[in-house]
Amino acid sequence: AVAAGDWLLVDPTAVRWPRRGSVVVFREPDGGTLAVKRVAAGPGDRVAFAQGYLELAEDEAWLLSDATAETTRAAGFGEPVDSRQYGPVPVELLVGRAWFRYSPLDRIGRIARLG
């Protein structure tokens, strides 16, 4: 998992959503803030949302936080903010795929894709 203070190398050449489980950097739809989340579902997938389901368009992904509600509350924040709040994210907001952590020294290494 990515932690506060990690320094990441990001591949900015991505033009479509990476595979499910990949960690991505993107601009949040509700304000443009840079964020780091994991791809939980990609184009064409069906996801549960608001007591129903959504089918993601060919340019959309469903991005979820690795942090749990307990972790974010302990850090003084509310619920994790991700696609459960702002819905599908269009590929035009994708900055790139995070693939390597180069700082801090005790956490250097590739960022694992889950799933």
N, C-alpha and C. Protein backbone atom coordinates (compact mmCIF):
# COMPACT_ATOMS: atom_id res chain seq x y z
N ALA A 1 0.84 -1.19 0.00
CA ALA A 1 0.00 0.00 0.00
C ALA A 1 0.88 1.25 0.00
N VAL A 2 0.37 2.28 -0.56
CA VAL A 2 1.06 3.56 -0.60
C VAL A 2 0.74 4.29 0.71
N ALA A 3 1.75 4.90 1.30
CA ALA A 3 1.57 5.61 2.57
C ALA A 3 1.92 7.08 2.40
N ALA A 4 1.42 7.90 3.31
CA ALA A 4 1.76 9.32 3.31
C ALA A 4 3.28 9.44 3.40
N GLY A 5 3.86 10.31 2.59
CA GLY A 5 5.30 10.51 2.58
C GLY A 5 6.05 9.68 1.57
N ASP A 6 5.37 8.71 0.92
CA ASP A 6 6.02 7.93 -0.13
C ASP A 6 6.26 8.81 -1.35
N TRP A 7 7.39 8.60 -2.00
CA TRP A 7 7.70 9.28 -3.25
C TRP A 7 7.59 8.22 -4.34
N LEU A 8 6.80 8.52 -5.37
CA LEU A 8 6.48 7.54 -6.39
C LEU A 8 6.97 7.94 -7.77
N LEU A 9 7.38 6.94 -8.55
CA LEU A 9 7.61 7.14 -9.97
C LEU A 9 6.32 6.79 -10.67
N VAL A 10 5.90 7.66 -11.57
CA VAL A 10 4.62 7.50 -12.26
C VAL A 10 4.88 7.47 -13.76
N ASP A 11 4.30 6.48 -14.44
CA ASP A 11 4.40 6.38 -15.89
C ASP A 11 3.34 7.28 -16.50
N PRO A 12 3.72 8.44 -17.07
CA PRO A 12 2.74 9.37 -17.61
C PRO A 12 2.29 9.04 -19.03
N THR A 13 2.77 7.92 -19.59
CA THR A 13 2.43 7.59 -20.97
C THR A 13 1.12 6.81 -21.09
N ALA A 14 0.50 6.47 -19.96
CA ALA A 14 -0.75 5.70 -19.99
C ALA A 14 -1.85 6.53 -20.66
N VAL A 15 -2.49 5.94 -21.65
CA VAL A 15 -3.58 6.62 -22.35
C VAL A 15 -4.92 5.92 -22.11
N ARG A 16 -4.86 4.77 -21.43
CA ARG A 16 -6.09 4.09 -21.03
C ARG A 16 -5.87 3.53 -19.63
N TRP A 17 -6.94 3.12 -18.99
CA TRP A 17 -6.84 2.65 -17.61
C TRP A 17 -6.02 1.38 -17.53
N PRO A 18 -5.07 1.35 -16.59
CA PRO A 18 -4.30 0.11 -16.38
C PRO A 18 -5.22 -0.99 -15.83
N ARG A 19 -4.68 -2.20 -15.76
CA ARG A 19 -5.47 -3.35 -15.30
C ARG A 19 -5.94 -3.19 -13.86
N ARG A 20 -6.99 -3.90 -13.56
CA ARG A 20 -7.54 -3.93 -12.20
C ARG A 20 -6.43 -4.27 -11.21
N GLY A 21 -6.40 -3.57 -10.09
CA GLY A 21 -5.39 -3.79 -9.06
C GLY A 21 -4.21 -2.84 -9.15
N SER A 22 -4.06 -2.14 -10.27
CA SER A 22 -2.96 -1.18 -10.44
C SER A 22 -3.21 0.08 -9.61
N VAL A 23 -2.12 0.71 -9.20
CA VAL A 23 -2.20 1.99 -8.47
C VAL A 23 -2.01 3.10 -9.49
N VAL A 24 -2.89 4.10 -9.44
CA VAL A 24 -2.84 5.20 -10.40
C VAL A 24 -2.85 6.55 -9.69
N VAL A 25 -2.31 7.54 -10.38
CA VAL A 25 -2.40 8.93 -9.97
C VAL A 25 -3.36 9.60 -10.94
N PHE A 26 -4.29 10.37 -10.41
CA PHE A 26 -5.32 11.01 -11.25
C PHE A 26 -5.76 12.31 -10.59
N ARG A 27 -6.51 13.10 -11.34
CA ARG A 27 -7.10 14.32 -10.80
C ARG A 27 -8.53 13.99 -10.37
N GLU A 28 -8.86 14.29 -9.11
CA GLU A 28 -10.20 13.99 -8.62
C GLU A 28 -11.24 14.76 -9.41
N PRO A 29 -12.36 14.11 -9.75
CA PRO A 29 -13.39 14.75 -10.57
C PRO A 29 -14.03 15.97 -9.92
N ASP A 30 -14.03 16.01 -8.59
CA ASP A 30 -14.75 17.09 -7.91
C ASP A 30 -13.88 18.28 -7.54
N GLY A 31 -12.69 18.41 -8.13
CA GLY A 31 -11.88 19.58 -7.81
C GLY A 31 -10.51 19.59 -8.44
N GLY A 32 -10.09 18.48 -9.01
CA GLY A 32 -8.81 18.45 -9.70
C GLY A 32 -7.60 18.17 -8.83
N THR A 33 -7.81 17.89 -7.53
CA THR A 33 -6.72 17.56 -6.64
C THR A 33 -6.07 16.25 -7.09
N LEU A 34 -4.74 16.18 -7.07
CA LEU A 34 -4.06 14.93 -7.39
C LEU A 34 -4.34 13.91 -6.29
N ALA A 35 -4.62 12.68 -6.69
CA ALA A 35 -4.92 11.60 -5.74
C ALA A 35 -4.29 10.31 -6.23
N VAL A 36 -4.10 9.39 -5.30
CA VAL A 36 -3.56 8.06 -5.59
C VAL A 36 -4.57 7.04 -5.12
N LYS A 37 -5.04 6.20 -6.04
CA LYS A 37 -6.03 5.16 -5.72
C LYS A 37 -5.70 3.91 -6.52
N ARG A 38 -6.42 2.84 -6.20
CA ARG A 38 -6.24 1.57 -6.89
C ARG A 38 -7.42 1.36 -7.84
N VAL A 39 -7.14 0.83 -9.05
CA VAL A 39 -8.18 0.53 -10.02
C VAL A 39 -8.92 -0.73 -9.53
N ALA A 40 -10.19 -0.56 -9.19
CA ALA A 40 -11.01 -1.68 -8.72
C ALA A 40 -11.82 -2.30 -9.85
N ALA A 41 -12.15 -1.51 -10.87
CA ALA A 41 -12.89 -1.98 -12.03
C ALA A 41 -12.56 -1.07 -13.20
N GLY A 42 -12.59 -1.64 -14.39
CA GLY A 42 -12.22 -0.87 -15.58
C GLY A 42 -13.35 -0.78 -16.57
N PRO A 43 -13.05 -0.24 -17.75
CA PRO A 43 -14.04 -0.04 -18.79
C PRO A 43 -14.88 -1.30 -19.05
N GLY A 44 -16.20 -1.11 -19.10
CA GLY A 44 -17.12 -2.21 -19.39
C GLY A 44 -17.51 -3.04 -18.18
N ASP A 45 -16.82 -2.88 -17.04
CA ASP A 45 -17.17 -3.64 -15.83
C ASP A 45 -18.44 -3.07 -15.19
N ARG A 46 -19.08 -3.92 -14.40
CA ARG A 46 -20.26 -3.52 -13.64
C ARG A 46 -19.88 -3.39 -12.18
N VAL A 47 -20.29 -2.28 -11.55
CA VAL A 47 -19.97 -2.05 -10.14
C VAL A 47 -21.22 -1.68 -9.36
N ALA A 48 -21.24 -2.08 -8.09
CA ALA A 48 -22.35 -1.72 -7.21
C ALA A 48 -22.25 -0.24 -6.87
N PHE A 49 -23.38 0.47 -6.95
CA PHE A 49 -23.39 1.89 -6.64
C PHE A 49 -24.80 2.33 -6.32
N ALA A 50 -24.99 2.99 -5.17
CA ALA A 50 -26.27 3.59 -4.77
C ALA A 50 -27.44 2.62 -4.91
N GLN A 51 -27.38 1.51 -4.21
CA GLN A 51 -28.42 0.48 -4.20
C GLN A 51 -28.71 -0.10 -5.59
N GLY A 52 -27.78 -0.02 -6.48
CA GLY A 52 -27.95 -0.58 -7.81
C GLY A 52 -26.59 -0.89 -8.42
N TYR A 53 -26.54 -0.84 -9.74
CA TYR A 53 -25.29 -1.11 -10.45
C TYR A 53 -25.07 -0.08 -11.54
N LEU A 54 -23.81 0.16 -11.84
CA LEU A 54 -23.41 0.99 -12.97
C LEU A 54 -22.55 0.15 -13.89
N GLU A 55 -22.70 0.34 -15.18
CA GLU A 55 -21.78 -0.26 -16.13
C GLU A 55 -20.84 0.84 -16.59
N LEU A 56 -19.55 0.63 -16.39
CA LEU A 56 -18.57 1.65 -16.72
C LEU A 56 -18.43 1.79 -18.23
N ALA A 57 -18.32 3.04 -18.69
CA ALA A 57 -18.13 3.33 -20.12
C ALA A 57 -16.72 2.90 -20.53
N GLU A 58 -16.44 2.93 -21.80
CA GLU A 58 -15.15 2.49 -22.35
C GLU A 58 -13.98 3.36 -21.93
N ASP A 59 -14.27 4.53 -21.34
CA ASP A 59 -13.18 5.41 -20.89
C ASP A 59 -13.21 5.65 -19.38
N GLU A 60 -13.94 4.82 -18.63
CA GLU A 60 -14.10 5.03 -17.19
C GLU A 60 -13.50 3.90 -16.35
N ALA A 61 -13.11 4.27 -15.12
CA ALA A 61 -12.63 3.28 -14.15
C ALA A 61 -13.27 3.58 -12.80
N TRP A 62 -13.30 2.57 -11.96
CA TRP A 62 -13.80 2.68 -10.59
C TRP A 62 -12.58 2.59 -9.69
N LEU A 63 -12.28 3.68 -8.98
CA LEU A 63 -11.06 3.79 -8.20
C LEU A 63 -11.38 3.77 -6.71
N LEU A 64 -10.67 2.92 -5.96
CA LEU A 64 -10.91 2.80 -4.52
C LEU A 64 -9.63 3.06 -3.74
N SER A 65 -9.81 3.56 -2.54
CA SER A 65 -8.71 3.80 -1.62
C SER A 65 -8.29 2.50 -0.96
N ASP A 66 -7.00 2.33 -0.72
CA ASP A 66 -6.52 1.18 0.05
C ASP A 66 -6.78 1.40 1.54
N ALA A 67 -6.94 2.65 1.95
CA ALA A 67 -7.15 2.97 3.37
C ALA A 67 -8.56 2.57 3.80
N THR A 68 -8.67 2.06 5.00
CA THR A 68 -9.98 1.73 5.56
C THR A 68 -10.54 2.95 6.27
N ALA A 69 -11.82 2.92 6.56
CA ALA A 69 -12.45 4.01 7.30
C ALA A 69 -11.79 4.17 8.67
N GLU A 70 -11.40 3.07 9.29
CA GLU A 70 -10.76 3.13 10.61
C GLU A 70 -9.41 3.84 10.52
N THR A 71 -8.66 3.55 9.46
CA THR A 71 -7.35 4.18 9.27
C THR A 71 -7.50 5.68 9.06
N THR A 72 -8.44 6.09 8.23
CA THR A 72 -8.60 7.52 7.96
C THR A 72 -9.15 8.26 9.18
N ARG A 73 -10.03 7.63 9.93
CA ARG A 73 -10.54 8.26 11.17
C ARG A 73 -9.42 8.42 12.19
N ALA A 74 -8.57 7.41 12.32
CA ALA A 74 -7.45 7.49 13.27
C ALA A 74 -6.49 8.61 12.89
N ALA A 75 -6.40 8.93 11.60
CA ALA A 75 -5.53 10.01 11.14
C ALA A 75 -6.22 11.38 11.22
N GLY A 76 -7.47 11.40 11.69
CA GLY A 76 -8.19 12.66 11.84
C GLY A 76 -9.01 13.07 10.65
N PHE A 77 -9.29 12.11 9.76
CA PHE A 77 -10.10 12.40 8.58
C PHE A 77 -11.39 11.61 8.64
N GLY A 78 -12.30 11.86 7.73
CA GLY A 78 -13.54 11.09 7.64
C GLY A 78 -13.34 9.85 6.79
N GLU A 79 -14.41 9.42 6.15
CA GLU A 79 -14.37 8.25 5.28
C GLU A 79 -13.39 8.47 4.12
N PRO A 80 -12.77 7.40 3.62
CA PRO A 80 -11.91 7.55 2.44
C PRO A 80 -12.73 8.11 1.27
N VAL A 81 -12.13 9.00 0.51
CA VAL A 81 -12.82 9.59 -0.64
C VAL A 81 -12.34 8.87 -1.89
N ASP A 82 -13.30 8.26 -2.61
CA ASP A 82 -12.97 7.51 -3.82
C ASP A 82 -14.22 7.41 -4.67
N SER A 83 -14.26 6.46 -5.60
CA SER A 83 -15.41 6.35 -6.52
C SER A 83 -16.72 6.09 -5.81
N ARG A 84 -16.69 5.60 -4.58
CA ARG A 84 -17.94 5.41 -3.83
C ARG A 84 -18.61 6.74 -3.56
N GLN A 85 -17.83 7.85 -3.57
CA GLN A 85 -18.40 9.18 -3.38
C GLN A 85 -18.59 9.91 -4.70
N TYR A 86 -17.57 9.88 -5.58
CA TYR A 86 -17.68 10.69 -6.80
C TYR A 86 -17.97 9.89 -8.06
N GLY A 87 -18.15 8.59 -7.94
CA GLY A 87 -18.55 7.79 -9.10
C GLY A 87 -17.39 7.44 -10.01
N PRO A 88 -17.70 7.01 -11.23
CA PRO A 88 -16.67 6.62 -12.20
C PRO A 88 -15.75 7.79 -12.55
N VAL A 89 -14.51 7.47 -12.87
CA VAL A 89 -13.53 8.49 -13.22
C VAL A 89 -13.17 8.34 -14.70
N PRO A 90 -13.33 9.41 -15.50
CA PRO A 90 -12.98 9.33 -16.92
C PRO A 90 -11.47 9.30 -17.12
N VAL A 91 -11.03 8.63 -18.17
CA VAL A 91 -9.59 8.47 -18.45
C VAL A 91 -8.89 9.81 -18.67
N GLU A 92 -9.61 10.83 -19.06
CA GLU A 92 -8.99 12.15 -19.26
C GLU A 92 -8.40 12.71 -17.96
N LEU A 93 -8.81 12.18 -16.80
CA LEU A 93 -8.27 12.63 -15.51
C LEU A 93 -7.08 11.80 -15.04
N LEU A 94 -6.74 10.75 -15.80
CA LEU A 94 -5.61 9.89 -15.46
C LEU A 94 -4.30 10.64 -15.70
N VAL A 95 -3.43 10.67 -14.68
CA VAL A 95 -2.10 11.26 -14.81
C VAL A 95 -1.12 10.16 -15.19
N GLY A 96 -1.25 8.99 -14.57
CA GLY A 96 -0.37 7.88 -14.91
C GLY A 96 -0.47 6.75 -13.90
N ARG A 97 0.25 5.67 -14.20
CA ARG A 97 0.29 4.51 -13.31
C ARG A 97 1.50 4.61 -12.41
N ALA A 98 1.28 4.52 -11.10
CA ALA A 98 2.39 4.52 -10.15
C ALA A 98 3.00 3.13 -10.17
N TRP A 99 4.31 3.05 -10.35
CA TRP A 99 4.90 1.71 -10.49
C TRP A 99 6.10 1.47 -9.58
N PHE A 100 6.68 2.55 -8.99
CA PHE A 100 7.87 2.35 -8.15
C PHE A 100 7.90 3.39 -7.04
N ARG A 101 8.24 2.96 -5.83
CA ARG A 101 8.41 3.85 -4.68
C ARG A 101 9.91 4.03 -4.47
N TYR A 102 10.39 5.29 -4.51
CA TYR A 102 11.82 5.52 -4.36
C TYR A 102 12.19 6.22 -3.06
N SER A 103 11.24 6.48 -2.21
CA SER A 103 11.51 7.03 -0.89
C SER A 103 10.27 6.83 -0.04
N PRO A 104 10.42 6.61 1.24
CA PRO A 104 11.62 6.54 2.07
C PRO A 104 12.44 5.27 1.79
N LEU A 105 13.70 5.33 2.20
CA LEU A 105 14.65 4.26 1.87
C LEU A 105 14.21 2.88 2.33
N ASP A 106 13.54 2.79 3.47
CA ASP A 106 13.13 1.48 3.97
C ASP A 106 11.90 0.91 3.25
N ARG A 107 11.34 1.68 2.31
CA ARG A 107 10.15 1.20 1.56
C ARG A 107 10.38 1.18 0.05
N ILE A 108 11.62 1.32 -0.40
CA ILE A 108 11.93 1.34 -1.83
C ILE A 108 11.49 0.04 -2.48
N GLY A 109 10.89 0.16 -3.66
CA GLY A 109 10.54 -1.04 -4.43
C GLY A 109 9.35 -0.82 -5.34
N ARG A 110 9.07 -1.85 -6.14
CA ARG A 110 7.94 -1.82 -7.07
C ARG A 110 6.64 -1.76 -6.31
N ILE A 111 5.65 -1.11 -6.88
CA ILE A 111 4.33 -1.06 -6.28
C ILE A 111 3.53 -2.22 -6.85
N ALA A 112 3.13 -3.10 -5.97
CA ALA A 112 2.45 -4.33 -6.38
C ALA A 112 1.05 -4.06 -6.88
N ARG A 113 0.70 -4.79 -7.92
CA ARG A 113 -0.67 -4.78 -8.42
C ARG A 113 -1.40 -5.89 -7.67
N LEU A 114 -2.55 -5.57 -7.12
CA LEU A 114 -3.35 -6.57 -6.40
C LEU A 114 -4.33 -7.23 -7.36
N GLY A 115 -4.64 -8.46 -7.09
CA GLY A 115 -5.67 -9.15 -7.87
C GLY A 115 -5.12 -9.86 -8.98
